Amino acid sequence: MLLVTYVLQAVFGYNFRLFLARLMEWESMRVVCPSCGSKAVISSSSKLSEQVTDLYCRCSNVAECGCTFVSTLAFKHTLNPPIKSTADLALSLINRLSKEERAALQQGVS
């Protein structure tokens, strides 16, 4: 759990609960009823681990459907590493270079 929290903090800059709250606020995130395809409402959630949460949902089409269901939200992987970790990695690699290699790299960048 701690490792996933660290990764999410590194990636998103805040804890997973805040990430989940922000994710549910985004307009592009929609939970859809598996029965009728209408928009669903998340009524509660249950955290299974640092990276997996069950979302308890109900269909908004109460008159014609009324389905209740559980959907799972999980963090999978990052597409782009965070700037800070990328910079740390670059600095670590540069520090391992010899003085001559650093000078050659600096000339190539200039």
PDB file of N, CA and C in Angstrom:
ATOM      1  N   MET A   1       0.826  -1.199   0.000  1.00  0.00           N
ATOM      2  CA  MET A   1       0.000   0.000   0.000  1.00  0.00           C
ATOM      3  C   MET A   1       0.865   1.257   0.000  1.00  0.00           C
ATOM      4  N   LEU A   2       1.905   1.228   0.797  1.00  0.00           N
ATOM      5  CA  LEU A   2       2.756   2.398   0.912  1.00  0.00           C
ATOM      6  C   LEU A   2       3.440   2.721  -0.403  1.00  0.00           C
ATOM      7  N   LEU A   3       3.875   1.691  -1.129  1.00  0.00           N
ATOM      8  CA  LEU A   3       4.543   1.891  -2.409  1.00  0.00           C
ATOM      9  C   LEU A   3       3.601   2.542  -3.419  1.00  0.00           C
ATOM     10  N   VAL A   4       2.369   2.084  -3.473  1.00  0.00           N
ATOM     11  CA  VAL A   4       1.402   2.655  -4.414  1.00  0.00           C
ATOM     12  C   VAL A   4       1.109   4.097  -4.048  1.00  0.00           C
ATOM     13  N   THR A   5       0.954   4.383  -2.756  1.00  0.00           N
ATOM     14  CA  THR A   5       0.740   5.761  -2.316  1.00  0.00           C
ATOM     15  C   THR A   5       1.907   6.633  -2.747  1.00  0.00           C
ATOM     16  N   TYR A   6       3.137   6.129  -2.570  1.00  0.00           N
ATOM     17  CA  TYR A   6       4.319   6.884  -2.978  1.00  0.00           C
ATOM     18  C   TYR A   6       4.304   7.150  -4.481  1.00  0.00           C
ATOM     19  N   VAL A   7       3.975   6.109  -5.258  1.00  0.00           N
ATOM     20  CA  VAL A   7       3.944   6.258  -6.716  1.00  0.00           C
ATOM     21  C   VAL A   7       2.891   7.285  -7.116  1.00  0.00           C
ATOM     22  N   LEU A   8       1.694   7.181  -6.527  1.00  0.00           N
ATOM     23  CA  LEU A   8       0.632   8.133  -6.867  1.00  0.00           C
ATOM     24  C   LEU A   8       0.996   9.552  -6.450  1.00  0.00           C
ATOM     25  N   GLN A   9       1.654   9.681  -5.287  1.00  0.00           N
ATOM     26  CA  GLN A   9       2.085  11.014  -4.869  1.00  0.00           C
ATOM     27  C   GLN A   9       3.129  11.554  -5.831  1.00  0.00           C
ATOM     28  N   ALA A  10       4.034  10.682  -6.278  1.00  0.00           N
ATOM     29  CA  ALA A  10       5.050  11.116  -7.236  1.00  0.00           C
ATOM     30  C   ALA A  10       4.423  11.499  -8.567  1.00  0.00           C
ATOM     31  N   VAL A  11       3.431  10.722  -8.990  1.00  0.00           N
ATOM     32  CA  VAL A  11       2.803  10.962 -10.283  1.00  0.00           C
ATOM     33  C   VAL A  11       1.842  12.141 -10.228  1.00  0.00           C
ATOM     34  N   PHE A  12       0.978  12.171  -9.231  1.00  0.00           N
ATOM     35  CA  PHE A  12      -0.077  13.165  -9.190  1.00  0.00           C
ATOM     36  C   PHE A  12       0.159  14.276  -8.171  1.00  0.00           C
ATOM     37  N   GLY A  13       1.153  14.131  -7.292  1.00  0.00           N
ATOM     38  CA  GLY A  13       1.475  15.181  -6.341  1.00  0.00           C
ATOM     39  C   GLY A  13       0.551  15.239  -5.137  1.00  0.00           C
ATOM     40  N   TYR A  14      -0.298  14.260  -4.948  1.00  0.00           N
ATOM     41  CA  TYR A  14      -1.168  14.217  -3.779  1.00  0.00           C
ATOM     42  C   TYR A  14      -1.590  12.776  -3.513  1.00  0.00           C
ATOM     43  N   ASN A  15      -2.282  12.546  -2.435  1.00  0.00           N
ATOM     44  CA  ASN A  15      -2.612  11.161  -2.075  1.00  0.00           C
ATOM     45  C   ASN A  15      -3.724  10.571  -2.939  1.00  0.00           C
ATOM     46  N   PHE A  16      -3.877   9.261  -2.859  1.00  0.00           N
ATOM     47  CA  PHE A  16      -4.816   8.547  -3.728  1.00  0.00           C
ATOM     48  C   PHE A  16      -6.252   8.959  -3.482  1.00  0.00           C
ATOM     49  N   ARG A  17      -6.635   9.204  -2.229  1.00  0.00           N
ATOM     50  CA  ARG A  17      -8.021   9.600  -1.958  1.00  0.00           C
ATOM     51  C   ARG A  17      -8.363  10.905  -2.668  1.00  0.00           C
ATOM     52  N   LEU A  18      -7.439  11.850  -2.626  1.00  0.00           N
ATOM     53  CA  LEU A  18      -7.662  13.110  -3.330  1.00  0.00           C
ATOM     54  C   LEU A  18      -7.681  12.866  -4.837  1.00  0.00           C
ATOM     55  N   PHE A  19      -6.786  11.986  -5.315  1.00  0.00           N
ATOM     56  CA  PHE A  19      -6.766  11.622  -6.723  1.00  0.00           C
ATOM     57  C   PHE A  19      -8.116  11.049  -7.145  1.00  0.00           C
ATOM     58  N   LEU A  20      -8.648  10.134  -6.325  1.00  0.00           N
ATOM     59  CA  LEU A  20      -9.939   9.521  -6.625  1.00  0.00           C
ATOM     60  C   LEU A  20     -11.043  10.576  -6.628  1.00  0.00           C
ATOM     61  N   ALA A  21     -11.016  11.467  -5.652  1.00  0.00           N
ATOM     62  CA  ALA A  21     -12.026  12.533  -5.588  1.00  0.00           C
ATOM     63  C   ALA A  21     -11.940  13.425  -6.823  1.00  0.00           C
ATOM     64  N   ARG A  22     -10.734  13.797  -7.215  1.00  0.00           N
ATOM     65  CA  ARG A  22     -10.562  14.640  -8.406  1.00  0.00           C
ATOM     66  C   ARG A  22     -10.993  13.902  -9.664  1.00  0.00           C
ATOM     67  N   LEU A  23     -10.647  12.617  -9.728  1.00  0.00           N
ATOM     68  CA  LEU A  23     -11.001  11.825 -10.896  1.00  0.00           C
ATOM     69  C   LEU A  23     -12.511  11.763 -11.065  1.00  0.00           C
ATOM     70  N   MET A  24     -13.247  11.630  -9.973  1.00  0.00           N
ATOM     71  CA  MET A  24     -14.700  11.545 -10.064  1.00  0.00           C
ATOM     72  C   MET A  24     -15.325  12.897 -10.408  1.00  0.00           C
ATOM     73  N   GLU A  25     -14.586  13.998 -10.227  1.00  0.00           N
ATOM     74  CA  GLU A  25     -15.102  15.324 -10.570  1.00  0.00           C
ATOM     75  C   GLU A  25     -14.937  15.642 -12.058  1.00  0.00           C
ATOM     76  N   TRP A  26     -13.966  15.019 -12.722  1.00  0.00           N
ATOM     77  CA  TRP A  26     -13.701  15.321 -14.120  1.00  0.00           C
ATOM     78  C   TRP A  26     -14.911  14.982 -14.974  1.00  0.00           C
ATOM     79  N   GLU A  27     -15.200  15.852 -15.923  1.00  0.00           N
ATOM     80  CA  GLU A  27     -16.345  15.620 -16.792  1.00  0.00           C
ATOM     81  C   GLU A  27     -16.131  14.427 -17.721  1.00  0.00           C
ATOM     82  N   SER A  28     -14.879  14.120 -18.027  1.00  0.00           N
ATOM     83  CA  SER A  28     -14.619  13.018 -18.945  1.00  0.00           C
ATOM     84  C   SER A  28     -14.813  11.655 -18.291  1.00  0.00           C
ATOM     85  N   MET A  29     -14.868  11.625 -16.980  1.00  0.00           N
ATOM     86  CA  MET A  29     -15.088  10.354 -16.283  1.00  0.00           C
ATOM     87  C   MET A  29     -16.582  10.140 -16.114  1.00  0.00           C
ATOM     88  N   ARG A  30     -17.084   9.083 -16.693  1.00  0.00           N
ATOM     89  CA  ARG A  30     -18.501   8.755 -16.587  1.00  0.00           C
ATOM     90  C   ARG A  30     -18.634   7.302 -16.162  1.00  0.00           C
ATOM     91  N   VAL A  31     -19.567   7.062 -15.266  1.00  0.00           N
ATOM     92  CA  VAL A  31     -19.938   5.687 -14.944  1.00  0.00           C
ATOM     93  C   VAL A  31     -21.266   5.460 -15.641  1.00  0.00           C
ATOM     94  N   VAL A  32     -21.312   4.408 -16.412  1.00  0.00           N
ATOM     95  CA  VAL A  32     -22.495   4.119 -17.223  1.00  0.00           C
ATOM     96  C   VAL A  32     -23.128   2.824 -16.731  1.00  0.00           C
ATOM     97  N   CYS A  33     -24.437   2.817 -16.690  1.00  0.00           N
ATOM     98  CA  CYS A  33     -25.190   1.635 -16.275  1.00  0.00           C
ATOM     99  C   CYS A  33     -24.947   0.495 -17.266  1.00  0.00           C
ATOM    100  N   PRO A  34     -24.546  -0.679 -16.776  1.00  0.00           N
ATOM    101  CA  PRO A  34     -24.303  -1.805 -17.686  1.00  0.00           C
ATOM    102  C   PRO A  34     -25.596  -2.388 -18.267  1.00  0.00           C
ATOM    103  N   SER A  35     -26.735  -2.060 -17.674  1.00  0.00           N
ATOM    104  CA  SER A  35     -28.010  -2.599 -18.158  1.00  0.00           C
ATOM    105  C   SER A  35     -28.631  -1.765 -19.263  1.00  0.00           C
ATOM    106  N   CYS A  36     -28.707  -0.430 -19.032  1.00  0.00           N
ATOM    107  CA  CYS A  36     -29.418   0.407 -20.009  1.00  0.00           C
ATOM    108  C   CYS A  36     -28.536   1.471 -20.671  1.00  0.00           C
ATOM    109  N   GLY A  37     -27.314   1.675 -20.184  1.00  0.00           N
ATOM    110  CA  GLY A  37     -26.411   2.651 -20.788  1.00  0.00           C
ATOM    111  C   GLY A  37     -26.609   4.072 -20.312  1.00  0.00           C
ATOM    112  N   SER A  38     -27.522   4.304 -19.379  1.00  0.00           N
ATOM    113  CA  SER A  38     -27.733   5.648 -18.834  1.00  0.00           C
ATOM    114  C   SER A  38     -26.599   6.019 -17.887  1.00  0.00           C
ATOM    115  N   LYS A  39     -26.483   7.296 -17.606  1.00  0.00           N
ATOM    116  CA  LYS A  39     -25.496   7.778 -16.655  1.00  0.00           C
ATOM    117  C   LYS A  39     -25.806   7.183 -15.280  1.00  0.00           C
ATOM    118  N   ALA A  40     -24.768   6.769 -14.569  1.00  0.00           N
ATOM    119  CA  ALA A  40     -24.945   6.210 -13.233  1.00  0.00           C
ATOM    120  C   ALA A  40     -24.336   7.161 -12.206  1.00  0.00           C
ATOM    121  N   VAL A  41     -24.796   7.039 -10.988  1.00  0.00           N
ATOM    122  CA  VAL A  41     -24.320   7.875  -9.881  1.00  0.00           C
ATOM    123  C   VAL A  41     -23.555   6.992  -8.912  1.00  0.00           C
ATOM    124  N   ILE A  42     -22.388   7.463  -8.467  1.00  0.00           N
ATOM    125  CA  ILE A  42     -21.610   6.730  -7.465  1.00  0.00           C
ATOM    126  C   ILE A  42     -22.167   7.110  -6.106  1.00  0.00           C
ATOM    127  N   SER A  43     -22.710   6.132  -5.396  1.00  0.00           N
ATOM    128  CA  SER A  43     -23.315   6.421  -4.098  1.00  0.00           C
ATOM    129  C   SER A  43     -22.331   6.239  -2.949  1.00  0.00           C
ATOM    130  N   SER A  44     -21.370   5.338  -3.096  1.00  0.00           N
ATOM    131  CA  SER A  44     -20.335   5.153  -2.079  1.00  0.00           C
ATOM    132  C   SER A  44     -19.162   4.409  -2.699  1.00  0.00           C
ATOM    133  N   SER A  45     -18.115   4.269  -1.923  1.00  0.00           N
ATOM    134  CA  SER A  45     -16.939   3.559  -2.411  1.00  0.00           C
ATOM    135  C   SER A  45     -16.317   2.760  -1.273  1.00  0.00           C
ATOM    136  N   SER A  46     -15.566   1.742  -1.647  1.00  0.00           N
ATOM    137  CA  SER A  46     -14.877   0.900  -0.681  1.00  0.00           C
ATOM    138  C   SER A  46     -13.456   0.682  -1.185  1.00  0.00           C
ATOM    139  N   LYS A  47     -12.507   1.173  -0.425  1.00  0.00           N
ATOM    140  CA  LYS A  47     -11.108   1.067  -0.825  1.00  0.00           C
ATOM    141  C   LYS A  47     -10.612  -0.349  -0.540  1.00  0.00           C
ATOM    142  N   LEU A  48     -10.230  -1.063  -1.574  1.00  0.00           N
ATOM    143  CA  LEU A  48      -9.728  -2.424  -1.435  1.00  0.00           C
ATOM    144  C   LEU A  48      -8.229  -2.449  -1.187  1.00  0.00           C
ATOM    145  N   SER A  49      -7.525  -1.496  -1.779  1.00  0.00           N
ATOM    146  CA  SER A  49      -6.086  -1.333  -1.582  1.00  0.00           C
ATOM    147  C   SER A  49      -5.754   0.100  -1.947  1.00  0.00           C
ATOM    148  N   GLU A  50      -4.486   0.435  -1.912  1.00  0.00           N
ATOM    149  CA  GLU A  50      -4.080   1.803  -2.256  1.00  0.00           C
ATOM    150  C   GLU A  50      -4.399   2.150  -3.703  1.00  0.00           C
ATOM    151  N   GLN A  51      -4.482   1.132  -4.564  1.00  0.00           N
ATOM    152  CA  GLN A  51      -4.696   1.421  -5.985  1.00  0.00           C
ATOM    153  C   GLN A  51      -5.996   0.880  -6.549  1.00  0.00           C
ATOM    154  N   VAL A  52      -6.809   0.242  -5.735  1.00  0.00           N
ATOM    155  CA  VAL A  52      -8.063  -0.330  -6.220  1.00  0.00           C
ATOM    156  C   VAL A  52      -9.207   0.075  -5.292  1.00  0.00           C
ATOM    157  N   THR A  53     -10.291   0.585  -5.894  1.00  0.00           N
ATOM    158  CA  THR A  53     -11.474   0.996  -5.143  1.00  0.00           C
ATOM    159  C   THR A  53     -12.718   0.480  -5.841  1.00  0.00           C
ATOM    160  N   ASP A  54     -13.614  -0.111  -5.065  1.00  0.00           N
ATOM    161  CA  ASP A  54     -14.923  -0.490  -5.592  1.00  0.00           C
ATOM    162  C   ASP A  54     -15.854   0.709  -5.499  1.00  0.00           C
ATOM    163  N   LEU A  55     -16.562   0.994  -6.584  1.00  0.00           N
ATOM    164  CA  LEU A  55     -17.520   2.090  -6.623  1.00  0.00           C
ATOM    165  C   LEU A  55     -18.926   1.498  -6.642  1.00  0.00           C
ATOM    166  N   TYR A  56     -19.711   1.834  -5.639  1.00  0.00           N
ATOM    167  CA  TYR A  56     -21.095   1.362  -5.572  1.00  0.00           C
ATOM    168  C   TYR A  56     -21.956   2.375  -6.314  1.00  0.00           C
ATOM    169  N   CYS A  57     -22.608   1.915  -7.357  1.00  0.00           N
ATOM    170  CA  CYS A  57     -23.297   2.812  -8.282  1.00  0.00           C
ATOM    171  C   CYS A  57     -24.772   2.463  -8.416  1.00  0.00           C
ATOM    172  N   ARG A  58     -25.535   3.467  -8.846  1.00  0.00           N
ATOM    173  CA  ARG A  58     -26.953   3.255  -9.142  1.00  0.00           C
ATOM    174  C   ARG A  58     -27.286   3.998 -10.426  1.00  0.00           C
ATOM    175  N   CYS A  59     -28.116   3.397 -11.218  1.00  0.00           N
ATOM    176  CA  CYS A  59     -28.528   3.991 -12.487  1.00  0.00           C
ATOM    177  C   CYS A  59     -29.395   5.217 -12.220  1.00  0.00           C
ATOM    178  N   SER A  60     -29.179   6.268 -12.986  1.00  0.00           N
ATOM    179  CA  SER A  60     -29.985   7.485 -12.833  1.00  0.00           C
ATOM    180  C   SER A  60     -31.349   7.348 -13.512  1.00  0.00           C
ATOM    181  N   ASN A  61     -31.499   6.340 -14.347  1.00  0.00           N
ATOM    182  CA  ASN A  61     -32.767   6.085 -15.028  1.00  0.00           C
ATOM    183  C   ASN A  61     -33.636   5.202 -14.127  1.00  0.00           C
ATOM    184  N   VAL A  62     -34.094   5.782 -13.022  1.00  0.00           N
ATOM    185  CA  VAL A  62     -34.828   5.031 -12.001  1.00  0.00           C
ATOM    186  C   VAL A  62     -36.153   4.508 -12.531  1.00  0.00           C
ATOM    187  N   ALA A  63     -36.845   5.272 -13.355  1.00  0.00           N
ATOM    188  CA  ALA A  63     -38.167   4.889 -13.842  1.00  0.00           C
ATOM    189  C   ALA A  63     -38.131   3.645 -14.729  1.00  0.00           C
ATOM    190  N   GLU A  64     -37.115   3.520 -15.586  1.00  0.00           N
ATOM    191  CA  GLU A  64     -37.084   2.421 -16.543  1.00  0.00           C
ATOM    192  C   GLU A  64     -36.065   1.329 -16.223  1.00  0.00           C
ATOM    193  N   CYS A  65     -35.090   1.625 -15.322  1.00  0.00           N
ATOM    194  CA  CYS A  65     -34.040   0.636 -15.059  1.00  0.00           C
ATOM    195  C   CYS A  65     -33.852   0.408 -13.554  1.00  0.00           C
ATOM    196  N   GLY A  66     -33.266   1.382 -12.865  1.00  0.00           N
ATOM    197  CA  GLY A  66     -33.066   1.278 -11.426  1.00  0.00           C
ATOM    198  C   GLY A  66     -31.988   0.305 -10.990  1.00  0.00           C
ATOM    199  N   CYS A  67     -31.124  -0.101 -11.893  1.00  0.00           N
ATOM    200  CA  CYS A  67     -30.056  -1.061 -11.598  1.00  0.00           C
ATOM    201  C   CYS A  67     -29.065  -0.485 -10.580  1.00  0.00           C
ATOM    202  N   THR A  68     -28.610  -1.313  -9.652  1.00  0.00           N
ATOM    203  CA  THR A  68     -27.494  -0.953  -8.772  1.00  0.00           C
ATOM    204  C   THR A  68     -26.379  -1.950  -9.058  1.00  0.00           C
ATOM    205  N   PHE A  69     -25.133  -1.480  -9.031  1.00  0.00           N
ATOM    206  CA  PHE A  69     -24.011  -2.334  -9.396  1.00  0.00           C
ATOM    207  C   PHE A  69     -22.727  -1.823  -8.768  1.00  0.00           C
ATOM    208  N   VAL A  70     -21.709  -2.636  -8.823  1.00  0.00           N
ATOM    209  CA  VAL A  70     -20.383  -2.276  -8.316  1.00  0.00           C
ATOM    210  C   VAL A  70     -19.429  -2.243  -9.498  1.00  0.00           C
ATOM    211  N   SER A  71     -18.682  -1.148  -9.590  1.00  0.00           N
ATOM    212  CA  SER A  71     -17.662  -0.995 -10.620  1.00  0.00           C
ATOM    213  C   SER A  71     -16.323  -0.824  -9.903  1.00  0.00           C
ATOM    214  N   THR A  72     -15.251  -1.224 -10.532  1.00  0.00           N
ATOM    215  CA  THR A  72     -13.935  -1.139  -9.908  1.00  0.00           C
ATOM    216  C   THR A  72     -13.079  -0.091 -10.615  1.00  0.00           C
ATOM    217  N   LEU A  73     -12.472   0.775  -9.817  1.00  0.00           N
ATOM    218  CA  LEU A  73     -11.554   1.793 -10.316  1.00  0.00           C
ATOM    219  C   LEU A  73     -10.159   1.420  -9.852  1.00  0.00           C
ATOM    220  N   ALA A  74      -9.226   1.326 -10.788  1.00  0.00           N
ATOM    221  CA  ALA A  74      -7.862   0.939 -10.425  1.00  0.00           C
ATOM    222  C   ALA A  74      -6.850   1.804 -11.154  1.00  0.00           C
ATOM    223  N   PHE A  75      -5.782   2.136 -10.457  1.00  0.00           N
ATOM    224  CA  PHE A  75      -4.652   2.816 -11.081  1.00  0.00           C
ATOM    225  C   PHE A  75      -3.837   1.757 -11.792  1.00  0.00           C
ATOM    226  N   LYS A  76      -3.514   1.984 -13.067  1.00  0.00           N
ATOM    227  CA  LYS A  76      -2.786   0.981 -13.831  1.00  0.00           C
ATOM    228  C   LYS A  76      -1.310   1.342 -13.974  1.00  0.00           C
ATOM    229  N   HIS A  77      -1.016   2.432 -14.662  1.00  0.00           N
ATOM    230  CA  HIS A  77       0.372   2.852 -14.848  1.00  0.00           C
ATOM    231  C   HIS A  77       0.405   4.283 -15.363  1.00  0.00           C
ATOM    232  N   THR A  78       1.573   4.881 -15.299  1.00  0.00           N
ATOM    233  CA  THR A  78       1.726   6.232 -15.822  1.00  0.00           C
ATOM    234  C   THR A  78       2.107   6.156 -17.291  1.00  0.00           C
ATOM    235  N   LEU A  79       1.741   7.167 -18.026  1.00  0.00           N
ATOM    236  CA  LEU A  79       2.118   7.264 -19.429  1.00  0.00           C
ATOM    237  C   LEU A  79       3.350   8.128 -19.610  1.00  0.00           C
ATOM    238  N   ASN A  80       3.522   9.046 -18.699  1.00  0.00           N
ATOM    239  CA  ASN A  80       4.638   9.978 -18.741  1.00  0.00           C
ATOM    240  C   ASN A  80       5.189  10.082 -17.326  1.00  0.00           C
ATOM    241  N   PRO A  81       6.469   9.819 -17.116  1.00  0.00           N
ATOM    242  CA  PRO A  81       6.979   9.915 -15.745  1.00  0.00           C
ATOM    243  C   PRO A  81       6.925  11.360 -15.251  1.00  0.00           C
ATOM    244  N   PRO A  82       6.795  11.537 -13.953  1.00  0.00           N
ATOM    245  CA  PRO A  82       6.762  12.895 -13.410  1.00  0.00           C
ATOM    246  C   PRO A  82       8.062  13.643 -13.710  1.00  0.00           C
ATOM    247  N   ILE A  83       7.960  14.934 -13.865  1.00  0.00           N
ATOM    248  CA  ILE A  83       9.125  15.759 -14.192  1.00  0.00           C
ATOM    249  C   ILE A  83      10.211  15.605 -13.142  1.00  0.00           C
ATOM    250  N   LYS A  84       9.839  15.599 -11.874  1.00  0.00           N
ATOM    251  CA  LYS A  84      10.827  15.505 -10.805  1.00  0.00           C
ATOM    252  C   LYS A  84      11.614  14.207 -10.890  1.00  0.00           C
ATOM    253  N   SER A  85      10.946  13.081 -11.080  1.00  0.00           N
ATOM    254  CA  SER A  85      11.675  11.816 -11.138  1.00  0.00           C
ATOM    255  C   SER A  85      12.520  11.728 -12.409  1.00  0.00           C
ATOM    256  N   THR A  86      12.050  12.312 -13.500  1.00  0.00           N
ATOM    257  CA  THR A  86      12.833  12.339 -14.732  1.00  0.00           C
ATOM    258  C   THR A  86      14.103  13.162 -14.536  1.00  0.00           C
ATOM    259  N   ALA A  87      13.955  14.305 -13.886  1.00  0.00           N
ATOM    260  CA  ALA A  87      15.122  15.160 -13.610  1.00  0.00           C
ATOM    261  C   ALA A  87      16.094  14.464 -12.664  1.00  0.00           C
ATOM    262  N   ASP A  88      15.571  13.777 -11.648  1.00  0.00           N
ATOM    263  CA  ASP A  88      16.427  13.038 -10.712  1.00  0.00           C
ATOM    264  C   ASP A  88      17.200  11.935 -11.432  1.00  0.00           C
ATOM    265  N   LEU A  89      16.521  11.228 -12.337  1.00  0.00           N
ATOM    266  CA  LEU A  89      17.169  10.171 -13.105  1.00  0.00           C
ATOM    267  C   LEU A  89      18.273  10.744 -13.995  1.00  0.00           C
ATOM    268  N   ALA A  90      17.978  11.846 -14.675  1.00  0.00           N
ATOM    269  CA  ALA A  90      18.977  12.484 -15.539  1.00  0.00           C
ATOM    270  C   ALA A  90      20.191  12.932 -14.726  1.00  0.00           C
ATOM    271  N   LEU A  91      19.940  13.543 -13.574  1.00  0.00           N
ATOM    272  CA  LEU A  91      21.034  14.004 -12.716  1.00  0.00           C
ATOM    273  C   LEU A  91      21.877  12.828 -12.240  1.00  0.00           C
ATOM    274  N   SER A  92      21.223  11.738 -11.880  1.00  0.00           N
ATOM    275  CA  SER A  92      21.940  10.542 -11.432  1.00  0.00           C
ATOM    276  C   SER A  92      22.834   9.994 -12.542  1.00  0.00           C
ATOM    277  N   LEU A  93      22.314   9.970 -13.764  1.00  0.00           N
ATOM    278  CA  LEU A  93      23.104   9.480 -14.897  1.00  0.00           C
ATOM    279  C   LEU A  93      24.276  10.416 -15.206  1.00  0.00           C
ATOM    280  N   ILE A  94      24.021  11.711 -15.153  1.00  0.00           N
ATOM    281  CA  ILE A  94      25.096  12.678 -15.428  1.00  0.00           C
ATOM    282  C   ILE A  94      26.188  12.586 -14.383  1.00  0.00           C
ATOM    283  N   ASN A  95      25.814  12.370 -13.121  1.00  0.00           N
ATOM    284  CA  ASN A  95      26.813  12.269 -12.046  1.00  0.00           C
ATOM    285  C   ASN A  95      27.707  11.045 -12.199  1.00  0.00           C
ATOM    286  N   ARG A  96      27.273  10.046 -12.916  1.00  0.00           N
ATOM    287  CA  ARG A  96      28.069   8.839 -13.131  1.00  0.00           C
ATOM    288  C   ARG A  96      29.069   9.000 -14.280  1.00  0.00           C
ATOM    289  N   LEU A  97      28.927  10.049 -15.067  1.00  0.00           N
ATOM    290  CA  LEU A  97      29.837  10.283 -16.193  1.00  0.00           C
ATOM    291  C   LEU A  97      31.190  10.787 -15.707  1.00  0.00           C
ATOM    292  N   SER A  98      32.222  10.482 -16.489  1.00  0.00           N
ATOM    293  CA  SER A  98      33.556  11.033 -16.196  1.00  0.00           C
ATOM    294  C   SER A  98      33.561  12.514 -16.578  1.00  0.00           C
ATOM    295  N   LYS A  99      34.607  13.230 -16.157  1.00  0.00           N
ATOM    296  CA  LYS A  99      34.706  14.669 -16.471  1.00  0.00           C
ATOM    297  C   LYS A  99      34.727  14.888 -17.976  1.00  0.00           C
ATOM    298  N   GLU A 100      35.406  14.020 -18.693  1.00  0.00           N
ATOM    299  CA  GLU A 100      35.490  14.151 -20.149  1.00  0.00           C
ATOM    300  C   GLU A 100      34.121  13.926 -20.799  1.00  0.00           C
ATOM    301  N   GLU A 101      33.405  12.913 -20.312  1.00  0.00           N
ATOM    302  CA  GLU A 101      32.083  12.621 -20.865  1.00  0.00           C
ATOM    303  C   GLU A 101      31.096  13.762 -20.560  1.00  0.00           C
ATOM    304  N   ARG A 102      31.217  14.341 -19.353  1.00  0.00           N
ATOM    305  CA  ARG A 102      30.363  15.483 -18.994  1.00  0.00           C
ATOM    306  C   ARG A 102      30.643  16.679 -19.903  1.00  0.00           C
ATOM    307  N   ALA A 103      31.955  16.921 -20.163  1.00  0.00           N
ATOM    308  CA  ALA A 103      32.323  18.045 -21.043  1.00  0.00           C
ATOM    309  C   ALA A 103      31.781  17.820 -22.459  1.00  0.00           C
ATOM    310  N   ALA A 104      31.888  16.604 -22.954  1.00  0.00           N
ATOM    311  CA  ALA A 104      31.360  16.286 -24.292  1.00  0.00           C
ATOM    312  C   ALA A 104      29.856  16.455 -24.325  1.00  0.00           C
ATOM    313  N   LEU A 105      29.194  16.026 -23.279  1.00  0.00           N
ATOM    314  CA  LEU A 105      27.732  16.181 -23.203  1.00  0.00           C
ATOM    315  C   LEU A 105      27.356  17.651 -23.162  1.00  0.00           C
ATOM    316  N   GLN A 106      28.082  18.441 -22.387  1.00  0.00           N
ATOM    317  CA  GLN A 106      27.801  19.867 -22.278  1.00  0.00           C
ATOM    318  C   GLN A 106      28.011  20.562 -23.630  1.00  0.00           C
ATOM    319  N   GLN A 107      29.032  20.172 -24.363  1.00  0.00           N
ATOM    320  CA  GLN A 107      29.258  20.770 -25.690  1.00  0.00           C
ATOM    321  C   GLN A 107      28.157  20.381 -26.658  1.00  0.00           C
ATOM    322  N   GLY A 108      27.692  19.165 -26.557  1.00  0.00           N
ATOM    323  CA  GLY A 108      26.612  18.714 -27.437  1.00  0.00           C
ATOM    324  C   GLY A 108      25.306  19.421 -27.148  1.00  0.00           C
ATOM    325  N   VAL A 109      25.049  19.811 -25.912  1.00  0.00           N
ATOM    326  CA  VAL A 109      23.827  20.494 -25.527  1.00  0.00           C
ATOM    327  C   VAL A 109      23.875  21.963 -25.899  1.00  0.00           C
ATOM    328  N   SER A 110      25.052  22.557 -25.838  1.00  0.00           N
ATOM    329  CA  SER A 110      25.209  24.004 -26.114  1.00  0.00           C
ATOM    330  C   SER A 110      25.040  24.342 -27.566  1.00  0.00           C
TER     331      SER A 110
END
